[in-house]
Amino acid sequence: MDSEIKEEIPVHEEFILCCGVETQVLKCGPWTDLINNQSGTRPKLLIFIIPGNPGFSAMYVPFAKALYSATKRRFPVWIISHAGHALAPRGKKILKSSEVNAAYLGSQEMREVVKRDDETIKEHLPKLIFYYGATDSWCPKEYYDDMKKDFPEGDIRLCEKKIPHAFVISFFQEMADMVADWLKDDLSKM
């Protein structure tokens, strides 16, 4: 049943110009202008995925759908490709910078809010978690050890579930469930 639910989750594709380069954004859940949406259903949080290398956002769609489902579809999950890693199909509209500011949660407005009330923003943002694979040749355990040593107060975790580096291929559901669990306390306050 869970796989059927994920299949029905629509994914909306947009292209923006990021420093003059076509950049793909894939969106699960609400995808319209979330800042100016005056309806009572406007989400209070956007989960934003920045892929590793290669920065091809389409690889993360199953994970994004699973995470959207795992958070009970309360928060949109958007994925941004690395600039230039996905080309817009011929005839596809590419949003220019003036349209992007309005469409992407009002980046100018967010800067102003952060300037005015930095502490409130920090209170409402979920914590940053560094998650390292225990058997990951791309990112060996020594990297985890170094981060723990350099940032002893940080939330730095080592995978105990033997999930491979390329989790988006076969372990997207496990990672989505884990991330949703990490966010559970913060999200319940929203």
Protein backbone atom coordinates (compact mmCIF):
# COMPACT_ATOMS: atom_id res chain seq x y z
CA MET A 1 0.00 0.00 0.00
CA ASP A 2 2.85 2.39 0.88
CA SER A 3 4.34 2.03 -2.62
CA GLU A 4 0.93 2.84 -4.12
CA ILE A 5 0.77 6.01 -2.04
CA LYS A 6 4.21 7.12 -3.27
CA GLU A 7 3.21 6.46 -6.88
CA GLU A 8 0.29 8.87 -6.57
CA ILE A 9 2.48 11.68 -5.20
CA PRO A 10 2.92 14.07 -8.10
CA VAL A 11 6.33 15.54 -8.81
CA HIS A 12 6.42 18.98 -10.38
CA GLU A 13 9.46 20.00 -12.41
CA GLU A 14 10.72 23.56 -12.80
CA PHE A 15 13.88 25.07 -14.17
CA ILE A 16 15.47 28.20 -12.78
CA LEU A 17 18.51 30.18 -13.80
CA CYS A 18 21.14 29.84 -11.09
CA CYS A 19 24.02 32.22 -11.85
CA GLY A 20 22.94 32.06 -15.49
CA VAL A 21 22.89 28.23 -15.62
CA GLU A 22 19.77 26.08 -16.08
CA THR A 23 19.00 24.34 -12.80
CA GLN A 24 16.30 21.73 -12.26
CA VAL A 25 14.04 21.79 -9.21
CA LEU A 26 11.75 18.82 -8.50
CA LYS A 27 8.92 19.29 -6.01
CA CYS A 28 6.83 16.75 -4.05
CA GLY A 29 3.80 18.16 -2.35
CA PRO A 30 2.74 21.79 -2.65
CA TRP A 31 4.81 23.40 -5.38
CA THR A 32 3.27 26.79 -6.01
CA ASP A 33 4.32 30.12 -4.50
CA LEU A 34 4.21 29.13 -0.82
CA ILE A 35 4.87 32.60 0.62
CA ASN A 36 1.92 34.33 -1.03
CA ASN A 37 -0.47 31.42 -0.51
CA GLN A 38 -3.06 32.89 1.87
CA SER A 39 -5.01 29.66 2.34
CA GLY A 40 -5.01 27.97 5.72
CA THR A 41 -3.22 24.98 4.21
CA ARG A 42 0.10 26.73 3.62
CA PRO A 43 2.91 24.49 4.96
CA LYS A 44 5.06 25.89 7.76
CA LEU A 45 8.25 24.19 6.60
CA LEU A 46 9.95 23.25 3.35
CA ILE A 47 12.30 20.26 3.30
CA PHE A 48 14.99 21.07 0.76
CA ILE A 49 17.32 18.35 -0.58
CA ILE A 50 20.68 19.26 -2.07
CA PRO A 51 22.05 16.12 -3.76
CA GLY A 52 25.57 14.84 -3.47
CA ASN A 53 27.67 14.29 -6.56
CA PRO A 54 26.47 13.70 -9.21
CA GLY A 55 23.96 16.42 -8.53
CA PHE A 56 21.20 14.91 -10.64
CA SER A 57 17.96 15.54 -8.74
CA ALA A 58 15.91 12.83 -10.47
CA MET A 59 17.90 10.15 -8.60
CA TYR A 60 16.43 11.50 -5.34
CA VAL A 61 12.75 11.39 -6.35
CA PRO A 62 11.98 8.03 -4.63
CA PHE A 63 13.64 9.34 -1.44
CA ALA A 64 11.74 12.66 -1.66
CA LYS A 65 8.41 10.85 -2.10
CA ALA A 66 9.20 8.49 0.78
CA LEU A 67 10.18 11.43 3.02
CA TYR A 68 7.06 13.37 2.03
CA SER A 69 4.95 10.32 2.98
CA ALA A 70 6.94 9.69 6.18
CA THR A 71 6.20 13.27 7.33
CA LYS A 72 2.49 12.61 6.72
CA ARG A 73 2.48 14.92 3.68
CA ARG A 74 2.56 17.97 5.94
CA PHE A 75 5.73 19.50 4.46
CA PRO A 76 6.73 19.83 0.81
CA VAL A 77 10.00 18.17 -0.20
CA TRP A 78 11.97 19.90 -2.96
CA ILE A 79 15.17 18.74 -4.65
CA ILE A 80 17.54 21.05 -6.51
CA SER A 81 20.02 19.67 -9.01
CA HIS A 82 23.52 20.98 -9.28
CA ALA A 83 23.49 23.83 -11.79
CA GLY A 84 23.86 22.49 -15.32
CA HIS A 85 23.41 18.81 -14.41
CA ALA A 86 19.97 18.65 -16.05
CA LEU A 87 18.99 20.48 -19.21
CA ALA A 88 15.51 21.85 -19.68
CA PRO A 89 13.50 20.14 -22.40
CA ARG A 90 13.05 22.20 -25.55
CA GLY A 91 10.30 24.74 -25.00
CA LYS A 92 10.29 24.35 -21.20
CA LYS A 93 9.99 27.70 -19.43
CA ILE A 94 13.00 28.67 -17.34
CA LEU A 95 12.22 31.01 -14.45
CA LYS A 96 14.29 34.20 -14.42
CA SER A 97 15.64 35.73 -11.21
CA SER A 98 12.66 38.06 -10.69
CA GLU A 99 10.27 35.08 -10.88
CA VAL A 100 12.51 32.90 -8.72
CA ASN A 101 12.43 35.31 -5.77
CA ALA A 102 8.65 35.16 -5.72
CA ALA A 103 8.42 31.43 -6.37
CA TYR A 104 11.06 30.24 -3.91
CA LEU A 105 9.72 31.27 -0.50
CA GLY A 106 10.56 34.92 -0.95
CA SER A 107 14.32 34.82 -0.51
CA GLN A 108 14.46 38.60 -0.03
CA GLU A 109 11.72 38.43 2.61
CA MET A 110 13.54 35.61 4.39
CA ARG A 111 16.73 37.71 4.53
CA GLU A 112 14.78 40.50 6.18
CA VAL A 113 13.19 38.14 8.69
CA VAL A 114 16.60 36.67 9.58
CA LYS A 115 18.03 40.17 10.06
CA ARG A 116 15.14 41.12 12.36
CA ASP A 117 14.85 38.01 14.46
CA ASP A 118 17.73 35.59 14.18
CA GLU A 119 16.90 33.79 17.45
CA THR A 120 13.31 33.04 16.41
CA ILE A 121 14.53 31.57 13.13
CA LYS A 122 17.03 29.35 14.95
CA GLU A 123 14.29 28.14 17.32
CA HIS A 124 12.10 26.98 14.46
CA LEU A 125 14.70 25.36 12.24
CA PRO A 126 15.35 21.61 12.71
CA LYS A 127 18.92 20.78 13.77
CA LEU A 128 21.72 19.95 11.33
CA ILE A 129 22.76 16.28 11.44
CA PHE A 130 25.90 14.84 9.87
CA TYR A 131 25.37 11.17 9.02
CA TYR A 132 28.32 9.00 7.97
CA GLY A 133 28.31 5.51 6.54
CA ALA A 134 30.32 2.96 8.54
CA THR A 135 31.41 1.08 5.41
CA ASP A 136 31.64 3.93 2.92
CA SER A 137 34.73 4.05 0.69
CA TRP A 138 33.70 7.49 -0.64
CA CYS A 139 33.63 8.91 2.86
CA PRO A 140 35.68 6.66 5.17
CA LYS A 141 35.07 6.34 8.91
CA GLU A 142 38.09 8.58 9.55
CA TYR A 143 36.01 11.51 8.26
CA TYR A 144 33.42 10.76 10.93
CA ASP A 145 36.15 10.50 13.58
CA ASP A 146 37.63 13.84 12.47
CA MET A 147 34.24 15.60 12.60
CA LYS A 148 33.53 14.21 16.08
CA LYS A 149 36.93 15.46 17.23
CA ASP A 150 36.65 18.89 15.56
CA PHE A 151 33.00 19.48 16.54
CA PRO A 152 32.34 17.59 19.80
CA GLU A 153 29.06 19.46 20.37
CA GLY A 154 27.74 18.62 16.87
CA ASP A 155 25.08 16.04 16.05
CA ILE A 156 27.40 13.69 14.17
CA ARG A 157 26.23 10.11 13.70
CA LEU A 158 27.71 6.91 12.32
CA CYS A 159 25.39 4.55 10.45
CA GLU A 160 24.86 1.28 12.28
CA LYS A 161 22.48 -0.15 9.67
CA LYS A 162 25.03 -0.83 6.90
CA ILE A 163 23.20 1.49 4.51
CA PRO A 164 25.44 2.08 1.47
CA HIS A 165 26.65 5.47 0.29
CA ALA A 166 24.24 5.44 -2.68
CA PHE A 167 21.17 5.05 -0.45
CA VAL A 168 18.90 6.63 -3.08
CA ILE A 169 19.17 3.53 -5.25
CA SER A 170 17.95 0.83 -2.84
CA PHE A 171 17.64 2.22 0.68
CA PHE A 172 15.59 5.38 0.11
CA GLN A 173 12.70 4.18 2.30
CA GLU A 174 14.98 3.34 5.23
CA MET A 175 16.70 6.73 4.99
CA ALA A 176 13.37 8.58 4.65
CA ASP A 177 12.02 6.84 7.75
CA MET A 178 15.22 7.65 9.64
CA VAL A 179 15.20 11.34 8.60
CA ALA A 180 11.50 11.66 9.47
CA ASP A 181 12.24 10.16 12.88
CA TRP A 182 15.11 12.64 13.43
CA LEU A 183 12.78 15.52 12.58
CA LYS A 184 9.77 14.16 14.50
CA ASP A 185 10.19 16.29 17.64
CA ASP A 186 10.87 19.51 15.72
CA LEU A 187 8.03 18.89 13.26
CA SER A 188 5.51 18.14 16.00
CA LYS A 189 5.93 21.72 17.25
CA MET A 190 4.76 23.14 13.92
